[in-house]
Amino acid sequence: MEVLGDSCFQSAIYRSSGAGRIGWFALGASLLALYGLLVNLPQWDFGKLLGVYVVFFFVAAQVIAKVRFNQPVTLPVRVGGALIVAGGLVMSLWKS
């Protein structure tokens, strides 16, 4: 929801005007507010939650960038993304 909300703002700023722009801003703000509410309702370990969240945010951002904006996933993004995903796996699977 956060990535979609951000992409709505991107569409409002760079790809629309008039009523369409207002609609994209409203949709983006609604998605971001709903995301903020849903992610904070459960009482999760905040540090771990946000650490693993970065992995999902990265993956979703790459999918949205490709599908909505036709932006390629470059080699540096893939390598950096692999490190992000590896970090998420360590945080999720490491038993202390």
N, C-alpha and C. Protein backbone atom coordinates (compact mmCIF):
# COMPACT_ATOMS: atom_id res chain seq x y z
N MET A 1 0.82 -1.20 0.00
CA MET A 1 0.00 0.00 0.00
C MET A 1 0.86 1.25 0.00
N GLU A 2 2.00 1.19 0.72
CA GLU A 2 2.84 2.38 0.74
C GLU A 2 3.43 2.66 -0.63
N VAL A 3 3.90 1.62 -1.30
CA VAL A 3 4.47 1.81 -2.63
C VAL A 3 3.42 2.31 -3.60
N LEU A 4 2.22 1.74 -3.55
CA LEU A 4 1.15 2.22 -4.42
C LEU A 4 0.78 3.67 -4.10
N GLY A 5 0.72 4.00 -2.81
CA GLY A 5 0.44 5.38 -2.42
C GLY A 5 1.48 6.34 -2.97
N ASP A 6 2.75 5.95 -2.83
CA ASP A 6 3.83 6.79 -3.37
C ASP A 6 3.73 6.91 -4.89
N SER A 7 3.38 5.81 -5.56
CA SER A 7 3.26 5.88 -7.02
C SER A 7 2.10 6.78 -7.44
N CYS A 8 1.06 6.86 -6.62
CA CYS A 8 -0.04 7.78 -6.92
C CYS A 8 0.43 9.23 -6.86
N PHE A 9 1.27 9.53 -5.86
CA PHE A 9 1.82 10.89 -5.78
C PHE A 9 2.71 11.18 -6.99
N GLN A 10 3.47 10.19 -7.41
CA GLN A 10 4.32 10.33 -8.59
C GLN A 10 3.44 10.65 -9.82
N SER A 11 2.34 9.93 -9.95
CA SER A 11 1.42 10.18 -11.07
C SER A 11 0.79 11.57 -10.97
N ALA A 12 0.43 11.98 -9.76
CA ALA A 12 -0.18 13.30 -9.57
C ALA A 12 0.78 14.42 -9.95
N ILE A 13 2.03 14.26 -9.57
CA ILE A 13 3.01 15.34 -9.79
C ILE A 13 3.47 15.40 -11.24
N TYR A 14 3.74 14.24 -11.84
CA TYR A 14 4.40 14.24 -13.15
C TYR A 14 3.56 13.79 -14.33
N ARG A 15 2.40 13.18 -14.08
CA ARG A 15 1.68 12.57 -15.19
C ARG A 15 0.23 13.01 -15.34
N SER A 16 -0.21 13.99 -14.57
CA SER A 16 -1.60 14.41 -14.68
C SER A 16 -1.75 15.88 -14.34
N SER A 17 -2.97 16.38 -14.57
CA SER A 17 -3.27 17.77 -14.23
C SER A 17 -4.76 17.88 -13.90
N GLY A 18 -5.15 19.02 -13.36
CA GLY A 18 -6.56 19.28 -13.05
C GLY A 18 -7.15 18.30 -12.06
N ALA A 19 -8.37 17.85 -12.37
CA ALA A 19 -9.09 16.93 -11.48
C ALA A 19 -8.37 15.60 -11.34
N GLY A 20 -7.73 15.16 -12.41
CA GLY A 20 -6.97 13.91 -12.35
C GLY A 20 -5.85 13.99 -11.32
N ARG A 21 -5.19 15.13 -11.27
CA ARG A 21 -4.11 15.34 -10.30
C ARG A 21 -4.65 15.27 -8.88
N ILE A 22 -5.79 15.92 -8.64
CA ILE A 22 -6.41 15.90 -7.31
C ILE A 22 -6.80 14.46 -6.94
N GLY A 23 -7.33 13.72 -7.90
CA GLY A 23 -7.72 12.33 -7.66
C GLY A 23 -6.52 11.46 -7.28
N TRP A 24 -5.41 11.62 -8.01
CA TRP A 24 -4.21 10.85 -7.69
C TRP A 24 -3.69 11.21 -6.30
N PHE A 25 -3.69 12.51 -5.96
CA PHE A 25 -3.25 12.91 -4.62
C PHE A 25 -4.16 12.32 -3.54
N ALA A 26 -5.47 12.37 -3.76
CA ALA A 26 -6.42 11.83 -2.77
C ALA A 26 -6.25 10.32 -2.60
N LEU A 27 -6.10 9.61 -3.71
CA LEU A 27 -5.90 8.16 -3.64
C LEU A 27 -4.59 7.84 -2.92
N GLY A 28 -3.53 8.57 -3.25
CA GLY A 28 -2.24 8.35 -2.60
C GLY A 28 -2.31 8.60 -1.10
N ALA A 29 -2.95 9.70 -0.72
CA ALA A 29 -3.06 10.02 0.71
C ALA A 29 -3.89 8.97 1.44
N SER A 30 -4.95 8.49 0.82
CA SER A 30 -5.79 7.46 1.43
C SER A 30 -5.03 6.16 1.63
N LEU A 31 -4.29 5.75 0.60
CA LEU A 31 -3.51 4.51 0.71
C LEU A 31 -2.44 4.62 1.79
N LEU A 32 -1.76 5.76 1.85
CA LEU A 32 -0.71 5.93 2.86
C LEU A 32 -1.28 5.96 4.27
N ALA A 33 -2.43 6.60 4.44
CA ALA A 33 -3.07 6.62 5.76
C ALA A 33 -3.54 5.23 6.17
N LEU A 34 -4.14 4.50 5.26
CA LEU A 34 -4.59 3.14 5.54
C LEU A 34 -3.40 2.23 5.87
N TYR A 35 -2.35 2.38 5.11
CA TYR A 35 -1.13 1.61 5.38
C TYR A 35 -0.62 1.90 6.79
N GLY A 36 -0.51 3.16 7.14
CA GLY A 36 -0.02 3.55 8.47
C GLY A 36 -0.86 2.96 9.59
N LEU A 37 -2.16 2.94 9.38
CA LEU A 37 -3.05 2.36 10.38
C LEU A 37 -2.87 0.85 10.49
N LEU A 38 -2.90 0.17 9.36
CA LEU A 38 -2.83 -1.29 9.37
C LEU A 38 -1.50 -1.83 9.89
N VAL A 39 -0.41 -1.17 9.54
CA VAL A 39 0.89 -1.68 9.96
C VAL A 39 1.13 -1.46 11.45
N ASN A 40 0.44 -0.50 12.04
CA ASN A 40 0.67 -0.19 13.45
C ASN A 40 -0.39 -0.75 14.39
N LEU A 41 -1.44 -1.37 13.89
CA LEU A 41 -2.46 -1.96 14.76
C LEU A 41 -1.90 -3.12 15.60
N PRO A 42 -1.25 -4.10 14.98
CA PRO A 42 -0.69 -5.19 15.79
C PRO A 42 0.50 -4.69 16.61
N GLN A 43 0.74 -5.32 17.74
CA GLN A 43 1.87 -4.92 18.57
C GLN A 43 3.07 -5.82 18.26
N TRP A 44 3.73 -5.52 17.14
CA TRP A 44 4.88 -6.27 16.69
C TRP A 44 6.15 -5.66 17.25
N ASP A 45 7.24 -6.41 17.19
CA ASP A 45 8.57 -5.91 17.51
C ASP A 45 8.90 -4.86 16.45
N PHE A 46 8.85 -3.58 16.83
CA PHE A 46 8.93 -2.47 15.87
C PHE A 46 10.21 -2.51 15.04
N GLY A 47 11.36 -2.74 15.68
CA GLY A 47 12.62 -2.77 14.94
C GLY A 47 12.68 -3.87 13.91
N LYS A 48 12.26 -5.06 14.30
CA LYS A 48 12.26 -6.20 13.38
C LYS A 48 11.24 -5.97 12.28
N LEU A 49 10.07 -5.47 12.66
CA LEU A 49 9.02 -5.20 11.68
C LEU A 49 9.52 -4.28 10.58
N LEU A 50 10.12 -3.17 10.96
CA LEU A 50 10.58 -2.21 9.95
C LEU A 50 11.78 -2.74 9.17
N GLY A 51 12.59 -3.56 9.79
CA GLY A 51 13.71 -4.17 9.06
C GLY A 51 13.21 -5.08 7.95
N VAL A 52 12.27 -5.94 8.28
CA VAL A 52 11.71 -6.86 7.27
C VAL A 52 10.85 -6.09 6.28
N TYR A 53 10.19 -5.05 6.75
CA TYR A 53 9.36 -4.21 5.87
C TYR A 53 10.18 -3.63 4.72
N VAL A 54 11.43 -3.28 4.99
CA VAL A 54 12.29 -2.71 3.94
C VAL A 54 12.41 -3.68 2.77
N VAL A 55 12.47 -4.98 3.07
CA VAL A 55 12.56 -5.99 2.01
C VAL A 55 11.30 -5.94 1.14
N PHE A 56 10.14 -5.97 1.79
CA PHE A 56 8.89 -5.95 1.02
C PHE A 56 8.73 -4.64 0.26
N PHE A 57 9.14 -3.54 0.88
CA PHE A 57 9.06 -2.24 0.21
C PHE A 57 9.94 -2.23 -1.04
N PHE A 58 11.16 -2.74 -0.91
CA PHE A 58 12.07 -2.77 -2.06
C PHE A 58 11.49 -3.60 -3.21
N VAL A 59 11.03 -4.81 -2.90
CA VAL A 59 10.50 -5.69 -3.94
C VAL A 59 9.27 -5.07 -4.58
N ALA A 60 8.35 -4.56 -3.78
CA ALA A 60 7.15 -3.93 -4.33
C ALA A 60 7.50 -2.71 -5.18
N ALA A 61 8.47 -1.94 -4.74
CA ALA A 61 8.87 -0.75 -5.49
C ALA A 61 9.41 -1.12 -6.87
N GLN A 62 10.16 -2.20 -6.95
CA GLN A 62 10.71 -2.61 -8.24
C GLN A 62 9.60 -3.10 -9.17
N VAL A 63 8.64 -3.83 -8.62
CA VAL A 63 7.52 -4.31 -9.44
C VAL A 63 6.69 -3.12 -9.94
N ILE A 64 6.37 -2.19 -9.07
CA ILE A 64 5.58 -1.02 -9.46
C ILE A 64 6.35 -0.17 -10.47
N ALA A 65 7.65 0.01 -10.26
CA ALA A 65 8.45 0.81 -11.20
C ALA A 65 8.43 0.20 -12.59
N LYS A 66 8.48 -1.12 -12.65
CA LYS A 66 8.47 -1.79 -13.95
C LYS A 66 7.08 -1.76 -14.58
N VAL A 67 6.06 -2.10 -13.80
CA VAL A 67 4.70 -2.24 -14.35
C VAL A 67 4.06 -0.88 -14.65
N ARG A 68 4.14 0.06 -13.71
CA ARG A 68 3.45 1.35 -13.90
C ARG A 68 4.25 2.36 -14.69
N PHE A 69 5.60 2.33 -14.51
CA PHE A 69 6.42 3.38 -15.12
C PHE A 69 7.41 2.85 -16.16
N ASN A 70 7.36 1.54 -16.42
CA ASN A 70 8.23 0.89 -17.42
C ASN A 70 9.71 1.21 -17.20
N GLN A 71 10.13 1.23 -15.95
CA GLN A 71 11.53 1.48 -15.61
C GLN A 71 12.26 0.15 -15.46
N PRO A 72 13.41 0.01 -16.10
CA PRO A 72 14.13 -1.26 -16.00
C PRO A 72 14.79 -1.43 -14.64
N VAL A 73 14.99 -2.69 -14.26
CA VAL A 73 15.72 -3.01 -13.03
C VAL A 73 17.17 -3.22 -13.44
N THR A 74 18.03 -2.28 -13.05
CA THR A 74 19.43 -2.32 -13.47
C THR A 74 20.23 -3.29 -12.60
N LEU A 75 21.44 -3.61 -13.06
CA LEU A 75 22.30 -4.52 -12.31
C LEU A 75 22.62 -4.01 -10.91
N PRO A 76 22.97 -2.72 -10.73
CA PRO A 76 23.23 -2.25 -9.36
C PRO A 76 22.01 -2.38 -8.45
N VAL A 77 20.82 -2.18 -8.99
CA VAL A 77 19.60 -2.32 -8.20
C VAL A 77 19.40 -3.79 -7.83
N ARG A 78 19.68 -4.68 -8.75
CA ARG A 78 19.55 -6.12 -8.46
C ARG A 78 20.54 -6.57 -7.39
N VAL A 79 21.78 -6.11 -7.50
CA VAL A 79 22.79 -6.50 -6.51
C VAL A 79 22.44 -5.92 -5.14
N GLY A 80 22.12 -4.63 -5.09
CA GLY A 80 21.71 -4.02 -3.83
C GLY A 80 20.47 -4.67 -3.27
N GLY A 81 19.53 -5.00 -4.14
CA GLY A 81 18.30 -5.67 -3.71
C GLY A 81 18.58 -7.04 -3.13
N ALA A 82 19.53 -7.76 -3.71
CA ALA A 82 19.90 -9.07 -3.17
C ALA A 82 20.43 -8.93 -1.75
N LEU A 83 21.21 -7.87 -1.50
CA LEU A 83 21.71 -7.63 -0.14
C LEU A 83 20.57 -7.28 0.82
N ILE A 84 19.62 -6.50 0.34
CA ILE A 84 18.46 -6.14 1.17
C ILE A 84 17.67 -7.40 1.54
N VAL A 85 17.40 -8.24 0.54
CA VAL A 85 16.65 -9.47 0.78
C VAL A 85 17.42 -10.40 1.71
N ALA A 86 18.74 -10.50 1.52
CA ALA A 86 19.56 -11.33 2.41
C ALA A 86 19.46 -10.83 3.85
N GLY A 87 19.50 -9.52 4.05
CA GLY A 87 19.37 -8.95 5.38
C GLY A 87 18.02 -9.27 6.01
N GLY A 88 16.97 -9.22 5.21
CA GLY A 88 15.64 -9.56 5.70
C GLY A 88 15.56 -11.02 6.11
N LEU A 89 16.19 -11.89 5.35
CA LEU A 89 16.19 -13.31 5.71
C LEU A 89 16.94 -13.54 7.01
N VAL A 90 18.07 -12.85 7.19
CA VAL A 90 18.83 -12.99 8.44
C VAL A 90 17.96 -12.56 9.63
N MET A 91 17.31 -11.41 9.50
CA MET A 91 16.47 -10.91 10.60
C MET A 91 15.30 -11.83 10.89
N SER A 92 14.73 -12.43 9.85
CA SER A 92 13.56 -13.27 10.03
C SER A 92 13.88 -14.67 10.54
N LEU A 93 14.98 -15.23 10.08
CA LEU A 93 15.25 -16.63 10.34
C LEU A 93 16.24 -16.88 11.48
N TRP A 94 17.01 -15.88 11.85
CA TRP A 94 18.02 -16.06 12.90
C TRP A 94 17.33 -16.27 14.24
N LYS A 95 17.62 -17.39 14.86
CA LYS A 95 17.05 -17.69 16.18
C LYS A 95 18.07 -17.37 17.25
N SER A 96 17.76 -16.41 18.16
CA SER A 96 18.73 -16.04 19.18
C SER A 96 18.56 -16.85 20.44
